[in-house]
Amino acid sequence: MDVSGKSDPYCKIKLESQEYKTKTIKKSLNPKWDELYSTKSKLIAKLKVTIKEARYLSAMDVSGKSDPYCKIKLESQEYKTKTIKKSLNPKWDQDYEFFVTERRAELEIHVFDWDRFSKDEFMGRMSLKIGNMKDGETAEHWYKLEALHPGEKVSGEILLNWTFQLGK
């Protein structure tokens, strides 16, 4: 912001592997860009996912509990659930929608233990192949968490509800 109380805003936009920058709007606090950007990929489907809960997670903290959260990724789309403090059986019940552009894509979910003073600890992962899904298919299922590397000790399961809908 300059001395007049105005600003010269612009946006940086990333769509898949493409990066764009809007034009700069001089001396404005309410910019309107009215610019269009598109990807080279074509939408083939939507995947709606609800991360409901997890159970039997490992205790990662000295208290005998964990502070779990999930990172969810499909293609270049990423989300993060809220952190549930002091729980081995967290309930998130959070909804996400993904736009699928590749049939061979996989939904990946990684569970972490949040730590205030150190790096968050990996608790387990699961993946779901999009290519196996059928149009209109809905499922609710417990998925066993797996290790990222051989020898890692992982326990627990995560409950997902998902709906796959081909683009029309």
C-alpha atoms as a PDB file:
ATOM      1  CA  MET A   1       0.000   0.000   0.000  1.00  0.00           C
ATOM      2  CA  ASP A   2       1.357   3.427  -0.852  1.00  0.00           C
ATOM      3  CA  VAL A   3       0.990   6.747   1.025  1.00  0.00           C
ATOM      4  CA  SER A   4      -2.333   7.523  -0.684  1.00  0.00           C
ATOM      5  CA  GLY A   5      -3.833   4.403   0.951  1.00  0.00           C
ATOM      6  CA  LYS A   6      -4.123   2.662  -2.396  1.00  0.00           C
ATOM      7  CA  SER A   7      -2.372  -0.408  -3.757  1.00  0.00           C
ATOM      8  CA  ASP A   8      -1.232  -1.838  -7.097  1.00  0.00           C
ATOM      9  CA  PRO A   9      -2.581  -5.405  -6.831  1.00  0.00           C
ATOM     10  CA  TYR A  10      -2.071  -8.344  -9.160  1.00  0.00           C
ATOM     11  CA  CYS A  11      -2.567 -12.103  -8.788  1.00  0.00           C
ATOM     12  CA  LYS A  12      -0.390 -15.099  -9.512  1.00  0.00           C
ATOM     13  CA  ILE A  13      -2.381 -18.099 -10.695  1.00  0.00           C
ATOM     14  CA  LYS A  14      -1.242 -21.693 -11.043  1.00  0.00           C
ATOM     15  CA  LEU A  15      -3.342 -24.097 -13.124  1.00  0.00           C
ATOM     16  CA  GLU A  16      -1.776 -27.537 -13.282  1.00  0.00           C
ATOM     17  CA  SER A  17       1.786 -26.886 -14.471  1.00  0.00           C
ATOM     18  CA  GLN A  18       0.955 -23.496 -16.034  1.00  0.00           C
ATOM     19  CA  GLU A  19       1.618 -20.264 -14.129  1.00  0.00           C
ATOM     20  CA  TYR A  20      -0.010 -16.939 -14.998  1.00  0.00           C
ATOM     21  CA  LYS A  21       0.143 -13.367 -13.689  1.00  0.00           C
ATOM     22  CA  THR A  22      -2.761 -10.968 -14.085  1.00  0.00           C
ATOM     23  CA  LYS A  23      -2.299  -7.406 -15.197  1.00  0.00           C
ATOM     24  CA  THR A  24      -1.547  -4.913 -12.395  1.00  0.00           C
ATOM     25  CA  ILE A  25      -4.438  -2.611 -11.512  1.00  0.00           C
ATOM     26  CA  LYS A  26      -2.926   0.724 -10.472  1.00  0.00           C
ATOM     27  CA  LYS A  27      -4.063   2.520  -7.310  1.00  0.00           C
ATOM     28  CA  SER A  28      -6.973   0.260  -6.376  1.00  0.00           C
ATOM     29  CA  LEU A  29      -8.301  -1.501  -3.287  1.00  0.00           C
ATOM     30  CA  ASN A  30     -11.088  -3.197  -5.272  1.00  0.00           C
ATOM     31  CA  PRO A  31      -9.483  -4.533  -8.444  1.00  0.00           C
ATOM     32  CA  LYS A  32     -11.468  -6.234 -11.211  1.00  0.00           C
ATOM     33  CA  TRP A  33      -9.356  -8.221 -13.624  1.00  0.00           C
ATOM     34  CA  ASP A  34     -11.973  -9.896 -15.818  1.00  0.00           C
ATOM     35  CA  GLU A  35      -9.324 -12.213 -17.311  1.00  0.00           C
ATOM     36  CA  LEU A  36      -9.835 -15.831 -18.392  1.00  0.00           C
ATOM     37  CA  TYR A  37      -7.328 -18.650 -17.977  1.00  0.00           C
ATOM     38  CA  SER A  38      -7.698 -22.293 -18.925  1.00  0.00           C
ATOM     39  CA  THR A  39      -5.817 -25.541 -18.725  1.00  0.00           C
ATOM     40  CA  LYS A  40      -4.875 -27.833 -21.546  1.00  0.00           C
ATOM     41  CA  SER A  41      -6.464 -30.746 -19.698  1.00  0.00           C
ATOM     42  CA  LYS A  42     -10.058 -31.747 -20.200  1.00  0.00           C
ATOM     43  CA  LEU A  43     -12.322 -32.541 -17.273  1.00  0.00           C
ATOM     44  CA  ILE A  44     -13.352 -36.185 -17.436  1.00  0.00           C
ATOM     45  CA  ALA A  45     -14.997 -36.587 -14.019  1.00  0.00           C
ATOM     46  CA  LYS A  46     -15.667 -35.244 -10.547  1.00  0.00           C
ATOM     47  CA  LEU A  47     -14.800 -37.113  -7.380  1.00  0.00           C
ATOM     48  CA  LYS A  48     -16.545 -36.088  -4.173  1.00  0.00           C
ATOM     49  CA  VAL A  49     -14.830 -37.365  -1.035  1.00  0.00           C
ATOM     50  CA  THR A  50     -15.834 -37.151   2.616  1.00  0.00           C
ATOM     51  CA  ILE A  51     -13.080 -37.933   5.087  1.00  0.00           C
ATOM     52  CA  LYS A  52     -15.266 -39.178   7.901  1.00  0.00           C
ATOM     53  CA  GLU A  53     -12.979 -40.533  10.625  1.00  0.00           C
ATOM     54  CA  ALA A  54     -10.037 -42.725  11.542  1.00  0.00           C
ATOM     55  CA  ARG A  55      -9.585 -45.398  14.197  1.00  0.00           C
ATOM     56  CA  TYR A  56      -6.802 -47.338  15.901  1.00  0.00           C
ATOM     57  CA  LEU A  57      -4.173 -44.687  15.122  1.00  0.00           C
ATOM     58  CA  SER A  58      -0.763 -44.915  16.803  1.00  0.00           C
ATOM     59  CA  ALA A  59      -0.023 -42.777  19.849  1.00  0.00           C
ATOM     60  CA  MET A  60       2.665 -40.344  18.670  1.00  0.00           C
ATOM     61  CA  ASP A  61       2.785 -37.950  21.644  1.00  0.00           C
ATOM     62  CA  VAL A  62       4.167 -38.448  25.133  1.00  0.00           C
ATOM     63  CA  SER A  63       0.595 -38.150  26.448  1.00  0.00           C
ATOM     64  CA  GLY A  64      -0.300 -41.438  24.727  1.00  0.00           C
ATOM     65  CA  LYS A  65      -2.455 -39.599  22.173  1.00  0.00           C
ATOM     66  CA  SER A  66      -1.959 -37.914  18.780  1.00  0.00           C
ATOM     67  CA  ASP A  67      -3.101 -34.721  17.070  1.00  0.00           C
ATOM     68  CA  PRO A  68      -4.031 -36.152  13.636  1.00  0.00           C
ATOM     69  CA  TYR A  69      -4.856 -34.390  10.402  1.00  0.00           C
ATOM     70  CA  CYS A  70      -4.924 -35.497   6.752  1.00  0.00           C
ATOM     71  CA  LYS A  71      -3.403 -34.143   3.564  1.00  0.00           C
ATOM     72  CA  ILE A  72      -5.462 -35.092   0.518  1.00  0.00           C
ATOM     73  CA  LYS A  73      -4.177 -34.907  -3.047  1.00  0.00           C
ATOM     74  CA  LEU A  74      -5.487 -35.766  -6.492  1.00  0.00           C
ATOM     75  CA  GLU A  75      -3.439 -34.645  -9.488  1.00  0.00           C
ATOM     76  CA  SER A  76      -2.446 -31.040  -8.614  1.00  0.00           C
ATOM     77  CA  GLN A  77      -5.356 -30.425  -6.205  1.00  0.00           C
ATOM     78  CA  GLU A  78      -4.469 -30.522  -2.505  1.00  0.00           C
ATOM     79  CA  TYR A  79      -6.439 -30.062   0.703  1.00  0.00           C
ATOM     80  CA  LYS A  80      -5.848 -30.455   4.435  1.00  0.00           C
ATOM     81  CA  THR A  81      -8.358 -31.448   7.130  1.00  0.00           C
ATOM     82  CA  LYS A  82      -8.601 -29.742  10.469  1.00  0.00           C
ATOM     83  CA  THR A  83      -6.365 -31.105  13.245  1.00  0.00           C
ATOM     84  CA  ILE A  84      -8.148 -33.111  15.947  1.00  0.00           C
ATOM     85  CA  LYS A  85      -6.252 -32.697  19.213  1.00  0.00           C
ATOM     86  CA  LYS A  86      -5.489 -35.593  21.576  1.00  0.00           C
ATOM     87  CA  SER A  87      -7.255 -38.393  19.708  1.00  0.00           C
ATOM     88  CA  LEU A  88      -6.496 -41.856  18.359  1.00  0.00           C
ATOM     89  CA  ASN A  89      -9.978 -42.067  16.806  1.00  0.00           C
ATOM     90  CA  PRO A  90     -10.530 -38.627  15.204  1.00  0.00           C
ATOM     91  CA  LYS A  91     -13.760 -37.607  13.503  1.00  0.00           C
ATOM     92  CA  TRP A  92     -13.303 -35.051  10.702  1.00  0.00           C
ATOM     93  CA  ASP A  93     -16.467 -35.376   8.584  1.00  0.00           C
ATOM     94  CA  GLN A  94     -15.055 -32.975   5.960  1.00  0.00           C
ATOM     95  CA  ASP A  95     -16.096 -32.855   2.288  1.00  0.00           C
ATOM     96  CA  TYR A  96     -13.851 -32.258  -0.726  1.00  0.00           C
ATOM     97  CA  GLU A  97     -14.479 -32.131  -4.463  1.00  0.00           C
ATOM     98  CA  PHE A  98     -11.842 -32.990  -7.048  1.00  0.00           C
ATOM     99  CA  PHE A  99     -11.816 -32.463 -10.800  1.00  0.00           C
ATOM    100  CA  VAL A 100     -10.350 -35.480 -12.571  1.00  0.00           C
ATOM    101  CA  THR A 101      -8.467 -34.982 -15.842  1.00  0.00           C
ATOM    102  CA  GLU A 102      -6.613 -38.318 -16.012  1.00  0.00           C
ATOM    103  CA  ARG A 103      -8.203 -41.737 -15.650  1.00  0.00           C
ATOM    104  CA  ARG A 104      -4.930 -43.164 -14.275  1.00  0.00           C
ATOM    105  CA  ALA A 105      -4.855 -40.638 -11.396  1.00  0.00           C
ATOM    106  CA  GLU A 106      -4.868 -41.737  -7.757  1.00  0.00           C
ATOM    107  CA  LEU A 107      -6.397 -40.086  -4.722  1.00  0.00           C
ATOM    108  CA  GLU A 108      -3.737 -39.984  -1.996  1.00  0.00           C
ATOM    109  CA  ILE A 109      -4.353 -39.387   1.687  1.00  0.00           C
ATOM    110  CA  HIS A 110      -1.528 -39.016   4.180  1.00  0.00           C
ATOM    111  CA  VAL A 111      -2.227 -38.848   7.920  1.00  0.00           C
ATOM    112  CA  PHE A 112       0.102 -36.801  10.129  1.00  0.00           C
ATOM    113  CA  ASP A 113       0.453 -36.015  13.827  1.00  0.00           C
ATOM    114  CA  TRP A 114       0.664 -32.257  14.375  1.00  0.00           C
ATOM    115  CA  ASP A 115       3.500 -31.118  16.638  1.00  0.00           C
ATOM    116  CA  ARG A 116       3.979 -27.596  17.953  1.00  0.00           C
ATOM    117  CA  PHE A 117       7.778 -27.583  18.315  1.00  0.00           C
ATOM    118  CA  SER A 118       8.984 -30.201  15.838  1.00  0.00           C
ATOM    119  CA  LYS A 119       8.220 -31.526  12.364  1.00  0.00           C
ATOM    120  CA  ASP A 120       4.811 -33.187  12.040  1.00  0.00           C
ATOM    121  CA  GLU A 121       5.094 -36.976  12.115  1.00  0.00           C
ATOM    122  CA  PHE A 122       3.836 -39.289   9.380  1.00  0.00           C
ATOM    123  CA  MET A 123       1.207 -41.747  10.681  1.00  0.00           C
ATOM    124  CA  GLY A 124       0.151 -43.601   7.521  1.00  0.00           C
ATOM    125  CA  ARG A 125      -1.180 -43.292   4.005  1.00  0.00           C
ATOM    126  CA  MET A 126      -3.706 -44.782   1.617  1.00  0.00           C
ATOM    127  CA  SER A 127      -4.429 -44.394  -2.075  1.00  0.00           C
ATOM    128  CA  LEU A 128      -7.417 -45.019  -4.290  1.00  0.00           C
ATOM    129  CA  LYS A 129      -7.151 -45.668  -8.046  1.00  0.00           C
ATOM    130  CA  ILE A 130      -9.554 -43.542 -10.054  1.00  0.00           C
ATOM    131  CA  GLY A 131      -9.376 -45.894 -13.066  1.00  0.00           C
ATOM    132  CA  ASN A 132     -11.283 -48.586 -11.147  1.00  0.00           C
ATOM    133  CA  MET A 133     -14.292 -46.335 -10.465  1.00  0.00           C
ATOM    134  CA  LYS A 134     -17.533 -46.505 -12.442  1.00  0.00           C
ATOM    135  CA  ASP A 135     -19.833 -43.614 -13.385  1.00  0.00           C
ATOM    136  CA  GLY A 136     -22.288 -42.860 -10.575  1.00  0.00           C
ATOM    137  CA  GLU A 137     -20.509 -45.205  -8.167  1.00  0.00           C
ATOM    138  CA  THR A 138     -20.702 -44.338  -4.467  1.00  0.00           C
ATOM    139  CA  ALA A 139     -18.906 -46.169  -1.689  1.00  0.00           C
ATOM    140  CA  GLU A 140     -18.215 -45.922   2.016  1.00  0.00           C
ATOM    141  CA  HIS A 141     -15.275 -48.013   3.134  1.00  0.00           C
ATOM    142  CA  TRP A 142     -12.592 -48.366   5.811  1.00  0.00           C
ATOM    143  CA  TYR A 143      -9.104 -48.240   4.257  1.00  0.00           C
ATOM    144  CA  LYS A 144      -6.085 -49.609   6.100  1.00  0.00           C
ATOM    145  CA  LEU A 145      -3.250 -47.106   6.477  1.00  0.00           C
ATOM    146  CA  GLU A 146       0.044 -48.187   4.942  1.00  0.00           C
ATOM    147  CA  ALA A 147       3.689 -47.263   5.464  1.00  0.00           C
ATOM    148  CA  LEU A 148       5.449 -44.850   3.138  1.00  0.00           C
ATOM    149  CA  HIS A 149       8.798 -46.661   3.452  1.00  0.00           C
ATOM    150  CA  PRO A 150       9.654 -50.293   4.312  1.00  0.00           C
ATOM    151  CA  GLY A 151      10.086 -50.828   8.046  1.00  0.00           C
ATOM    152  CA  GLU A 152       7.848 -47.944   9.151  1.00  0.00           C
ATOM    153  CA  LYS A 153       5.416 -48.917  11.896  1.00  0.00           C
ATOM    154  CA  VAL A 154       1.900 -47.843  10.953  1.00  0.00           C
ATOM    155  CA  SER A 155      -1.472 -48.662  12.445  1.00  0.00           C
ATOM    156  CA  GLY A 156      -5.005 -47.517  11.869  1.00  0.00           C
ATOM    157  CA  GLU A 157      -7.742 -47.185   9.309  1.00  0.00           C
ATOM    158  CA  ILE A 158      -9.531 -44.265   7.692  1.00  0.00           C
ATOM    159  CA  LEU A 159     -13.220 -44.131   6.720  1.00  0.00           C
ATOM    160  CA  LEU A 160     -14.011 -42.480   3.385  1.00  0.00           C
ATOM    161  CA  ASN A 161     -17.243 -41.896   1.566  1.00  0.00           C
ATOM    162  CA  TRP A 162     -16.814 -41.104  -2.133  1.00  0.00           C
ATOM    163  CA  THR A 163     -18.881 -40.551  -5.271  1.00  0.00           C
ATOM    164  CA  PHE A 164     -17.485 -40.672  -8.793  1.00  0.00           C
ATOM    165  CA  GLN A 165     -19.331 -38.878 -11.600  1.00  0.00           C
ATOM    166  CA  LEU A 166     -18.151 -38.775 -15.215  1.00  0.00           C
ATOM    167  CA  GLY A 167     -18.161 -35.305 -16.785  1.00  0.00           C
ATOM    168  CA  LYS A 168     -21.168 -34.700 -18.958  1.00  0.00           C
END
